[in-house]
Amino acid sequence: MTEPQLLSDDQITETLRDLPGWEARPGALFREVKAPTFMAGIRLVDEVAELAEQLNHHPDIGIRWRTVSFSLSTHVRGGVTQYDVDLARRITAVVDQL
């Protein structure tokens, strides 16, 4: 398996146009989601965990009551790669079903 290539700042900016709710942070893509209830937030985390396992690419996840945050970075590359973009798209699809 080849190592994913880091995306340039311009590539990240272009990608974010198609990822509503996501923002660029140093070395990562970031999104916060407010779930309707605490348990809905936990279910969201569970679904994203299943996706991450399927992709073998795992986000940093924070939970504060109903607010769930996702930070995506390819740690072995030290920044954002296509792996993070692909996971962000899949997380967005899950969030849209909330």
PDB file of N, CA and C in Angstrom:
ATOM      1  N   MET A   1       0.843  -1.180   0.000  1.00  0.00           N
ATOM      2  CA  MET A   1       0.000   0.000   0.000  1.00  0.00           C
ATOM      3  C   MET A   1       0.890   1.245   0.000  1.00  0.00           C
ATOM      4  N   THR A   2       0.615   2.180  -0.889  1.00  0.00           N
ATOM      5  CA  THR A   2       1.412   3.395  -0.966  1.00  0.00           C
ATOM      6  C   THR A   2       0.958   4.395   0.087  1.00  0.00           C
ATOM      7  N   GLU A   3       1.897   5.186   0.520  1.00  0.00           N
ATOM      8  CA  GLU A   3       1.594   6.234   1.502  1.00  0.00           C
ATOM      9  C   GLU A   3       0.789   7.341   0.825  1.00  0.00           C
ATOM     10  N   PRO A   4      -0.233   7.849   1.495  1.00  0.00           N
ATOM     11  CA  PRO A   4      -1.005   8.957   0.926  1.00  0.00           C
ATOM     12  C   PRO A   4      -0.161  10.236   0.927  1.00  0.00           C
ATOM     13  N   GLN A   5      -0.409  11.085  -0.052  1.00  0.00           N
ATOM     14  CA  GLN A   5       0.333  12.333  -0.160  1.00  0.00           C
ATOM     15  C   GLN A   5      -0.400  13.450   0.588  1.00  0.00           C
ATOM     16  N   LEU A   6       0.366  14.322   1.214  1.00  0.00           N
ATOM     17  CA  LEU A   6      -0.231  15.481   1.876  1.00  0.00           C
ATOM     18  C   LEU A   6      -0.901  16.379   0.840  1.00  0.00           C
ATOM     19  N   LEU A   7      -2.034  16.937   1.197  1.00  0.00           N
ATOM     20  CA  LEU A   7      -2.709  17.899   0.330  1.00  0.00           C
ATOM     21  C   LEU A   7      -2.141  19.289   0.589  1.00  0.00           C
ATOM     22  N   SER A   8      -2.047  20.077  -0.460  1.00  0.00           N
ATOM     23  CA  SER A   8      -1.586  21.457  -0.309  1.00  0.00           C
ATOM     24  C   SER A   8      -2.701  22.303   0.306  1.00  0.00           C
ATOM     25  N   ASP A   9      -2.363  23.480   0.785  1.00  0.00           N
ATOM     26  CA  ASP A   9      -3.378  24.382   1.338  1.00  0.00           C
ATOM     27  C   ASP A   9      -4.449  24.685   0.293  1.00  0.00           C
ATOM     28  N   ASP A  10      -4.035  24.881  -0.959  1.00  0.00           N
ATOM     29  CA  ASP A  10      -5.005  25.147  -2.026  1.00  0.00           C
ATOM     30  C   ASP A  10      -5.931  23.950  -2.255  1.00  0.00           C
ATOM     31  N   GLN A  11      -5.384  22.755  -2.227  1.00  0.00           N
ATOM     32  CA  GLN A  11      -6.212  21.556  -2.395  1.00  0.00           C
ATOM     33  C   GLN A  11      -7.209  21.412  -1.231  1.00  0.00           C
ATOM     34  N   ILE A  12      -6.762  21.704  -0.031  1.00  0.00           N
ATOM     35  CA  ILE A  12      -7.651  21.634   1.131  1.00  0.00           C
ATOM     36  C   ILE A  12      -8.759  22.667   1.007  1.00  0.00           C
ATOM     37  N   THR A  13      -8.416  23.892   0.630  1.00  0.00           N
ATOM     38  CA  THR A  13      -9.422  24.941   0.449  1.00  0.00           C
ATOM     39  C   THR A  13     -10.447  24.526  -0.593  1.00  0.00           C
ATOM     40  N   GLU A  14      -9.997  23.967  -1.696  1.00  0.00           N
ATOM     41  CA  GLU A  14     -10.908  23.505  -2.752  1.00  0.00           C
ATOM     42  C   GLU A  14     -11.808  22.380  -2.242  1.00  0.00           C
ATOM     43  N   THR A  15     -11.236  21.450  -1.521  1.00  0.00           N
ATOM     44  CA  THR A  15     -11.991  20.320  -0.967  1.00  0.00           C
ATOM     45  C   THR A  15     -13.074  20.796  -0.008  1.00  0.00           C
ATOM     46  N   LEU A  16     -12.777  21.783   0.806  1.00  0.00           N
ATOM     47  CA  LEU A  16     -13.735  22.265   1.806  1.00  0.00           C
ATOM     48  C   LEU A  16     -14.975  22.889   1.178  1.00  0.00           C
ATOM     49  N   ARG A  17     -14.882  23.300  -0.067  1.00  0.00           N
ATOM     50  CA  ARG A  17     -16.069  23.840  -0.756  1.00  0.00           C
ATOM     51  C   ARG A  17     -17.167  22.790  -0.861  1.00  0.00           C
ATOM     52  N   ASP A  18     -16.777  21.524  -0.904  1.00  0.00           N
ATOM     53  CA  ASP A  18     -17.732  20.422  -1.026  1.00  0.00           C
ATOM     54  C   ASP A  18     -17.977  19.704   0.298  1.00  0.00           C
ATOM     55  N   LEU A  19     -17.474  20.268   1.393  1.00  0.00           N
ATOM     56  CA  LEU A  19     -17.642  19.650   2.706  1.00  0.00           C
ATOM     57  C   LEU A  19     -18.228  20.670   3.688  1.00  0.00           C
ATOM     58  N   PRO A  20     -19.535  20.914   3.599  1.00  0.00           N
ATOM     59  CA  PRO A  20     -20.137  21.912   4.478  1.00  0.00           C
ATOM     60  C   PRO A  20     -19.956  21.537   5.949  1.00  0.00           C
ATOM     61  N   GLY A  21     -19.641  22.535   6.747  1.00  0.00           N
ATOM     62  CA  GLY A  21     -19.464  22.335   8.178  1.00  0.00           C
ATOM     63  C   GLY A  21     -18.032  22.011   8.585  1.00  0.00           C
ATOM     64  N   TRP A  22     -17.194  21.662   7.634  1.00  0.00           N
ATOM     65  CA  TRP A  22     -15.802  21.328   7.920  1.00  0.00           C
ATOM     66  C   TRP A  22     -14.939  22.568   7.769  1.00  0.00           C
ATOM     67  N   GLU A  23     -13.850  22.621   8.516  1.00  0.00           N
ATOM     68  CA  GLU A  23     -12.896  23.722   8.405  1.00  0.00           C
ATOM     69  C   GLU A  23     -11.480  23.176   8.472  1.00  0.00           C
ATOM     70  N   ALA A  24     -10.569  23.977   7.973  1.00  0.00           N
ATOM     71  CA  ALA A  24      -9.157  23.601   8.046  1.00  0.00           C
ATOM     72  C   ALA A  24      -8.591  24.115   9.361  1.00  0.00           C
ATOM     73  N   ARG A  25      -7.872  23.254  10.014  1.00  0.00           N
ATOM     74  CA  ARG A  25      -7.104  23.618  11.206  1.00  0.00           C
ATOM     75  C   ARG A  25      -5.678  23.174  10.922  1.00  0.00           C
ATOM     76  N   PRO A  26      -4.709  23.669  11.660  1.00  0.00           N
ATOM     77  CA  PRO A  26      -3.326  23.270  11.357  1.00  0.00           C
ATOM     78  C   PRO A  26      -3.168  21.740  11.322  1.00  0.00           C
ATOM     79  N   GLY A  27      -2.908  21.228  10.131  1.00  0.00           N
ATOM     80  CA  GLY A  27      -2.661  19.810   9.947  1.00  0.00           C
ATOM     81  C   GLY A  27      -3.876  18.905  10.035  1.00  0.00           C
ATOM     82  N   ALA A  28      -5.095  19.486   9.971  1.00  0.00           N
ATOM     83  CA  ALA A  28      -6.284  18.652  10.157  1.00  0.00           C
ATOM     84  C   ALA A  28      -7.516  19.270   9.510  1.00  0.00           C
ATOM     85  N   LEU A  29      -8.519  18.424   9.295  1.00  0.00           N
ATOM     86  CA  LEU A  29      -9.872  18.865   8.966  1.00  0.00           C
ATOM     87  C   LEU A  29     -10.673  18.736  10.251  1.00  0.00           C
ATOM     88  N   PHE A  30     -11.547  19.697  10.520  1.00  0.00           N
ATOM     89  CA  PHE A  30     -12.264  19.727  11.794  1.00  0.00           C
ATOM     90  C   PHE A  30     -13.736  20.044  11.574  1.00  0.00           C
ATOM     91  N   ARG A  31     -14.576  19.380  12.377  1.00  0.00           N
ATOM     92  CA  ARG A  31     -16.011  19.680  12.357  1.00  0.00           C
ATOM     93  C   ARG A  31     -16.603  19.403  13.727  1.00  0.00           C
ATOM     94  N   GLU A  32     -17.505  20.294  14.128  1.00  0.00           N
ATOM     95  CA  GLU A  32     -18.292  20.091  15.337  1.00  0.00           C
ATOM     96  C   GLU A  32     -19.738  19.899  14.943  1.00  0.00           C
ATOM     97  N   VAL A  33     -20.411  18.971  15.613  1.00  0.00           N
ATOM     98  CA  VAL A  33     -21.804  18.669  15.331  1.00  0.00           C
ATOM     99  C   VAL A  33     -22.569  18.717  16.640  1.00  0.00           C
ATOM    100  N   LYS A  34     -23.705  19.397  16.650  1.00  0.00           N
ATOM    101  CA  LYS A  34     -24.569  19.392  17.822  1.00  0.00           C
ATOM    102  C   LYS A  34     -25.683  18.383  17.570  1.00  0.00           C
ATOM    103  N   ALA A  35     -25.676  17.307  18.327  1.00  0.00           N
ATOM    104  CA  ALA A  35     -26.700  16.269  18.208  1.00  0.00           C
ATOM    105  C   ALA A  35     -27.960  16.712  18.960  1.00  0.00           C
ATOM    106  N   PRO A  36     -29.114  16.194  18.579  1.00  0.00           N
ATOM    107  CA  PRO A  36     -30.353  16.595  19.250  1.00  0.00           C
ATOM    108  C   PRO A  36     -30.414  16.144  20.714  1.00  0.00           C
ATOM    109  N   THR A  37     -29.746  15.033  21.029  1.00  0.00           N
ATOM    110  CA  THR A  37     -29.694  14.539  22.399  1.00  0.00           C
ATOM    111  C   THR A  37     -28.308  13.957  22.648  1.00  0.00           C
ATOM    112  N   PHE A  38     -27.999  13.749  23.911  1.00  0.00           N
ATOM    113  CA  PHE A  38     -26.725  13.122  24.257  1.00  0.00           C
ATOM    114  C   PHE A  38     -26.613  11.732  23.622  1.00  0.00           C
ATOM    115  N   MET A  39     -27.676  10.943  23.727  1.00  0.00           N
ATOM    116  CA  MET A  39     -27.628   9.582  23.176  1.00  0.00           C
ATOM    117  C   MET A  39     -27.496   9.582  21.654  1.00  0.00           C
ATOM    118  N   ALA A  40     -28.102  10.565  20.978  1.00  0.00           N
ATOM    119  CA  ALA A  40     -27.930  10.677  19.529  1.00  0.00           C
ATOM    120  C   ALA A  40     -26.460  10.955  19.206  1.00  0.00           C
ATOM    121  N   GLY A  41     -25.811  11.769  20.021  1.00  0.00           N
ATOM    122  CA  GLY A  41     -24.385  12.034  19.839  1.00  0.00           C
ATOM    123  C   GLY A  41     -23.553  10.779  20.018  1.00  0.00           C
ATOM    124  N   ILE A  42     -23.907   9.973  21.000  1.00  0.00           N
ATOM    125  CA  ILE A  42     -23.192   8.714  21.230  1.00  0.00           C
ATOM    126  C   ILE A  42     -23.403   7.758  20.055  1.00  0.00           C
ATOM    127  N   ARG A  43     -24.615   7.705  19.528  1.00  0.00           N
ATOM    128  CA  ARG A  43     -24.878   6.861  18.354  1.00  0.00           C
ATOM    129  C   ARG A  43     -24.068   7.347  17.150  1.00  0.00           C
ATOM    130  N   LEU A  44     -23.955   8.671  16.996  1.00  0.00           N
ATOM    131  CA  LEU A  44     -23.142   9.239  15.921  1.00  0.00           C
ATOM    132  C   LEU A  44     -21.696   8.768  16.054  1.00  0.00           C
ATOM    133  N   VAL A  45     -21.163   8.858  17.247  1.00  0.00           N
ATOM    134  CA  VAL A  45     -19.788   8.415  17.485  1.00  0.00           C
ATOM    135  C   VAL A  45     -19.648   6.932  17.146  1.00  0.00           C
ATOM    136  N   ASP A  46     -20.614   6.139  17.545  1.00  0.00           N
ATOM    137  CA  ASP A  46     -20.580   4.705  17.260  1.00  0.00           C
ATOM    138  C   ASP A  46     -20.565   4.433  15.758  1.00  0.00           C
ATOM    139  N   GLU A  47     -21.419   5.136  15.012  1.00  0.00           N
ATOM    140  CA  GLU A  47     -21.451   4.940  13.556  1.00  0.00           C
ATOM    141  C   GLU A  47     -20.144   5.367  12.905  1.00  0.00           C
ATOM    142  N   VAL A  48     -19.594   6.484  13.362  1.00  0.00           N
ATOM    143  CA  VAL A  48     -18.320   6.954  12.798  1.00  0.00           C
ATOM    144  C   VAL A  48     -17.199   5.976  13.152  1.00  0.00           C
ATOM    145  N   ALA A  49     -17.242   5.415  14.348  1.00  0.00           N
ATOM    146  CA  ALA A  49     -16.232   4.421  14.737  1.00  0.00           C
ATOM    147  C   ALA A  49     -16.284   3.209  13.804  1.00  0.00           C
ATOM    148  N   GLU A  50     -17.488   2.781  13.438  1.00  0.00           N
ATOM    149  CA  GLU A  50     -17.630   1.658  12.498  1.00  0.00           C
ATOM    150  C   GLU A  50     -17.021   2.008  11.135  1.00  0.00           C
ATOM    151  N   LEU A  51     -17.304   3.221  10.649  1.00  0.00           N
ATOM    152  CA  LEU A  51     -16.718   3.667   9.372  1.00  0.00           C
ATOM    153  C   LEU A  51     -15.196   3.687   9.449  1.00  0.00           C
ATOM    154  N   ALA A  52     -14.693   4.234  10.545  1.00  0.00           N
ATOM    155  CA  ALA A  52     -13.246   4.346  10.713  1.00  0.00           C
ATOM    156  C   ALA A  52     -12.582   2.976  10.692  1.00  0.00           C
ATOM    157  N   GLU A  53     -13.215   2.007  11.328  1.00  0.00           N
ATOM    158  CA  GLU A  53     -12.670   0.649  11.320  1.00  0.00           C
ATOM    159  C   GLU A  53     -12.662   0.075   9.908  1.00  0.00           C
ATOM    160  N   GLN A  54     -13.743   0.304   9.160  1.00  0.00           N
ATOM    161  CA  GLN A  54     -13.815  -0.190   7.780  1.00  0.00           C
ATOM    162  C   GLN A  54     -12.703   0.406   6.925  1.00  0.00           C
ATOM    163  N   LEU A  55     -12.428   1.696   7.134  1.00  0.00           N
ATOM    164  CA  LEU A  55     -11.415   2.391   6.344  1.00  0.00           C
ATOM    165  C   LEU A  55     -10.008   2.246   6.927  1.00  0.00           C
ATOM    166  N   ASN A  56      -9.920   1.731   8.150  1.00  0.00           N
ATOM    167  CA  ASN A  56      -8.653   1.683   8.876  1.00  0.00           C
ATOM    168  C   ASN A  56      -7.999   3.064   8.930  1.00  0.00           C
ATOM    169  N   HIS A  57      -8.831   4.057   9.205  1.00  0.00           N
ATOM    170  CA  HIS A  57      -8.376   5.447   9.331  1.00  0.00           C
ATOM    171  C   HIS A  57      -9.242   6.088  10.407  1.00  0.00           C
ATOM    172  N   HIS A  58      -8.629   6.466  11.510  1.00  0.00           N
ATOM    173  CA  HIS A  58      -9.380   6.803  12.713  1.00  0.00           C
ATOM    174  C   HIS A  58      -9.273   8.283  13.079  1.00  0.00           C
ATOM    175  N   PRO A  59     -10.417   8.928  13.301  1.00  0.00           N
ATOM    176  CA  PRO A  59     -10.411  10.346  13.679  1.00  0.00           C
ATOM    177  C   PRO A  59     -10.168  10.514  15.174  1.00  0.00           C
ATOM    178  N   ASP A  60      -9.790  11.717  15.554  1.00  0.00           N
ATOM    179  CA  ASP A  60      -9.831  12.111  16.955  1.00  0.00           C
ATOM    180  C   ASP A  60     -11.252  12.603  17.193  1.00  0.00           C
ATOM    181  N   ILE A  61     -11.898  12.097  18.225  1.00  0.00           N
ATOM    182  CA  ILE A  61     -13.290  12.420  18.503  1.00  0.00           C
ATOM    183  C   ILE A  61     -13.396  12.977  19.913  1.00  0.00           C
ATOM    184  N   GLY A  62     -14.135  14.094  20.035  1.00  0.00           N
ATOM    185  CA  GLY A  62     -14.412  14.670  21.349  1.00  0.00           C
ATOM    186  C   GLY A  62     -15.914  14.701  21.583  1.00  0.00           C
ATOM    187  N   ILE A  63     -16.318  14.456  22.817  1.00  0.00           N
ATOM    188  CA  ILE A  63     -17.737  14.493  23.168  1.00  0.00           C
ATOM    189  C   ILE A  63     -17.905  15.412  24.365  1.00  0.00           C
ATOM    190  N   ARG A  64     -18.760  16.406  24.214  1.00  0.00           N
ATOM    191  CA  ARG A  64     -19.130  17.304  25.303  1.00  0.00           C
ATOM    192  C   ARG A  64     -20.638  17.432  25.270  1.00  0.00           C
ATOM    193  N   TRP A  65     -21.289  16.657  26.116  1.00  0.00           N
ATOM    194  CA  TRP A  65     -22.740  16.557  26.187  1.00  0.00           C
ATOM    195  C   TRP A  65     -23.293  16.245  24.812  1.00  0.00           C
ATOM    196  N   ARG A  66     -23.950  17.180  24.112  1.00  0.00           N
ATOM    197  CA  ARG A  66     -24.523  16.900  22.793  1.00  0.00           C
ATOM    198  C   ARG A  66     -23.597  17.307  21.648  1.00  0.00           C
ATOM    199  N   THR A  67     -22.474  17.911  21.953  1.00  0.00           N
ATOM    200  CA  THR A  67     -21.548  18.375  20.916  1.00  0.00           C
ATOM    201  C   THR A  67     -20.459  17.340  20.685  1.00  0.00           C
ATOM    202  N   VAL A  68     -20.355  16.902  19.439  1.00  0.00           N
ATOM    203  CA  VAL A  68     -19.346  15.919  19.049  1.00  0.00           C
ATOM    204  C   VAL A  68     -18.408  16.595  18.062  1.00  0.00           C
ATOM    205  N   SER A  69     -17.109  16.480  18.294  1.00  0.00           N
ATOM    206  CA  SER A  69     -16.137  17.074  17.370  1.00  0.00           C
ATOM    207  C   SER A  69     -15.282  15.974  16.744  1.00  0.00           C
ATOM    208  N   PHE A  70     -14.932  16.228  15.500  1.00  0.00           N
ATOM    209  CA  PHE A  70     -14.103  15.300  14.732  1.00  0.00           C
ATOM    210  C   PHE A  70     -12.893  16.060  14.205  1.00  0.00           C
ATOM    211  N   SER A  71     -11.729  15.515  14.421  1.00  0.00           N
ATOM    212  CA  SER A  71     -10.502  16.063  13.866  1.00  0.00           C
ATOM    213  C   SER A  71      -9.845  14.961  13.053  1.00  0.00           C
ATOM    214  N   LEU A  72      -9.629  15.236  11.780  1.00  0.00           N
ATOM    215  CA  LEU A  72      -9.093  14.232  10.855  1.00  0.00           C
ATOM    216  C   LEU A  72      -7.701  14.639  10.393  1.00  0.00           C
ATOM    217  N   SER A  73      -6.769  13.754  10.578  1.00  0.00           N
ATOM    218  CA  SER A  73      -5.397  13.981  10.154  1.00  0.00           C
ATOM    219  C   SER A  73      -4.750  12.626   9.905  1.00  0.00           C
ATOM    220  N   THR A  74      -3.897  12.571   8.914  1.00  0.00           N
ATOM    221  CA  THR A  74      -3.133  11.355   8.669  1.00  0.00           C
ATOM    222  C   THR A  74      -1.831  11.500   9.437  1.00  0.00           C
ATOM    223  N   HIS A  75      -1.807  10.948  10.632  1.00  0.00           N
ATOM    224  CA  HIS A  75      -0.707  11.184  11.563  1.00  0.00           C
ATOM    225  C   HIS A  75       0.647  10.752  10.998  1.00  0.00           C
ATOM    226  N   VAL A  76       0.680   9.654  10.270  1.00  0.00           N
ATOM    227  CA  VAL A  76       1.971   9.199   9.726  1.00  0.00           C
ATOM    228  C   VAL A  76       2.523  10.163   8.676  1.00  0.00           C
ATOM    229  N   ARG A  77       1.657  11.003   8.105  1.00  0.00           N
ATOM    230  CA  ARG A  77       2.096  11.991   7.111  1.00  0.00           C
ATOM    231  C   ARG A  77       2.191  13.389   7.715  1.00  0.00           C
ATOM    232  N   GLY A  78       1.627  13.571   8.887  1.00  0.00           N
ATOM    233  CA  GLY A  78       1.733  14.868   9.558  1.00  0.00           C
ATOM    234  C   GLY A  78       0.801  15.930   8.996  1.00  0.00           C
ATOM    235  N   GLY A  79      -0.339  15.516   8.465  1.00  0.00           N
ATOM    236  CA  GLY A  79      -1.276  16.505   7.933  1.00  0.00           C
ATOM    237  C   GLY A  79      -2.444  15.850   7.231  1.00  0.00           C
ATOM    238  N   VAL A  80      -3.070  16.615   6.352  1.00  0.00           N
ATOM    239  CA  VAL A  80      -4.295  16.192   5.680  1.00  0.00           C
ATOM    240  C   VAL A  80      -3.961  15.498   4.358  1.00  0.00           C
ATOM    241  N   THR A  81      -4.577  14.317   4.169  1.00  0.00           N
ATOM    242  CA  THR A  81      -4.435  13.571   2.925  1.00  0.00           C
ATOM    243  C   THR A  81      -5.823  13.227   2.390  1.00  0.00           C
ATOM    244  N   GLN A  82      -5.849  12.546   1.276  1.00  0.00           N
ATOM    245  CA  GLN A  82      -7.119  12.108   0.695  1.00  0.00           C
ATOM    246  C   GLN A  82      -7.871  11.174   1.648  1.00  0.00           C
ATOM    247  N   TYR A  83      -7.146  10.447   2.476  1.00  0.00           N
ATOM    248  CA  TYR A  83      -7.803   9.586   3.472  1.00  0.00           C
ATOM    249  C   TYR A  83      -8.737  10.409   4.359  1.00  0.00           C
ATOM    250  N   ASP A  84      -8.271  11.585   4.769  1.00  0.00           N
ATOM    251  CA  ASP A  84      -9.074  12.450   5.646  1.00  0.00           C
ATOM    252  C   ASP A  84     -10.276  13.007   4.907  1.00  0.00           C
ATOM    253  N   VAL A  85     -10.089  13.368   3.660  1.00  0.00           N
ATOM    254  CA  VAL A  85     -11.192  13.883   2.842  1.00  0.00           C
ATOM    255  C   VAL A  85     -12.259  12.801   2.676  1.00  0.00           C
ATOM    256  N   ASP A  86     -11.827  11.586   2.375  1.00  0.00           N
ATOM    257  CA  ASP A  86     -12.778  10.482   2.195  1.00  0.00           C
ATOM    258  C   ASP A  86     -13.558  10.224   3.484  1.00  0.00           C
ATOM    259  N   LEU A  87     -12.871  10.227   4.618  1.00  0.00           N
ATOM    260  CA  LEU A  87     -13.555  10.005   5.897  1.00  0.00           C
ATOM    261  C   LEU A  87     -14.488  11.169   6.218  1.00  0.00           C
ATOM    262  N   ALA A  88     -14.077  12.389   5.924  1.00  0.00           N
ATOM    263  CA  ALA A  88     -14.939  13.563   6.162  1.00  0.00           C
ATOM    264  C   ALA A  88     -16.232  13.448   5.360  1.00  0.00           C
ATOM    265  N   ARG A  89     -16.134  13.012   4.130  1.00  0.00           N
ATOM    266  CA  ARG A  89     -17.343  12.829   3.308  1.00  0.00           C
ATOM    267  C   ARG A  89     -18.274  11.787   3.915  1.00  0.00           C
ATOM    268  N   ARG A  90     -17.695  10.712   4.408  1.00  0.00           N
ATOM    269  CA  ARG A  90     -18.526   9.651   4.995  1.00  0.00           C
ATOM    270  C   ARG A  90     -19.129  10.107   6.320  1.00  0.00           C
ATOM    271  N   ILE A  91     -18.371  10.855   7.104  1.00  0.00           N
ATOM    272  CA  ILE A  91     -18.917  11.399   8.359  1.00  0.00           C
ATOM    273  C   ILE A  91     -20.060  12.344   8.036  1.00  0.00           C
ATOM    274  N   THR A  92     -19.886  13.174   7.022  1.00  0.00           N
ATOM    275  CA  THR A  92     -20.945  14.118   6.619  1.00  0.00           C
ATOM    276  C   THR A  92     -22.227  13.369   6.278  1.00  0.00           C
ATOM    277  N   ALA A  93     -22.106  12.268   5.568  1.00  0.00           N
ATOM    278  CA  ALA A  93     -23.296  11.486   5.205  1.00  0.00           C
ATOM    279  C   ALA A  93     -23.997  10.954   6.454  1.00  0.00           C
ATOM    280  N   VAL A  94     -23.240  10.525   7.449  1.00  0.00           N
ATOM    281  CA  VAL A  94     -23.821  10.043   8.699  1.00  0.00           C
ATOM    282  C   VAL A  94     -24.512  11.183   9.438  1.00  0.00           C
ATOM    283  N   VAL A  95     -23.830  12.330   9.510  1.00  0.00           N
ATOM    284  CA  VAL A  95     -24.388  13.497  10.201  1.00  0.00           C
ATOM    285  C   VAL A  95     -25.687  13.936   9.526  1.00  0.00           C
ATOM    286  N   ASP A  96     -25.715  13.906   8.213  1.00  0.00           N
ATOM    287  CA  ASP A  96     -26.915  14.316   7.475  1.00  0.00           C
ATOM    288  C   ASP A  96     -28.127  13.442   7.803  1.00  0.00           C
ATOM    289  N   GLN A  97     -27.898  12.236   8.281  1.00  0.00           N
ATOM    290  CA  GLN A  97     -28.996  11.333   8.647  1.00  0.00           C
ATOM    291  C   GLN A  97     -29.446  11.537  10.098  1.00  0.00           C
ATOM    292  N   LEU A  98     -28.719  12.339  10.856  1.00  0.00           N
ATOM    293  CA  LEU A  98     -29.060  12.602  12.260  1.00  0.00           C
ATOM    294  C   LEU A  98     -30.437  13.210  12.406  1.00  0.00           C
TER     295      LEU A  98
END
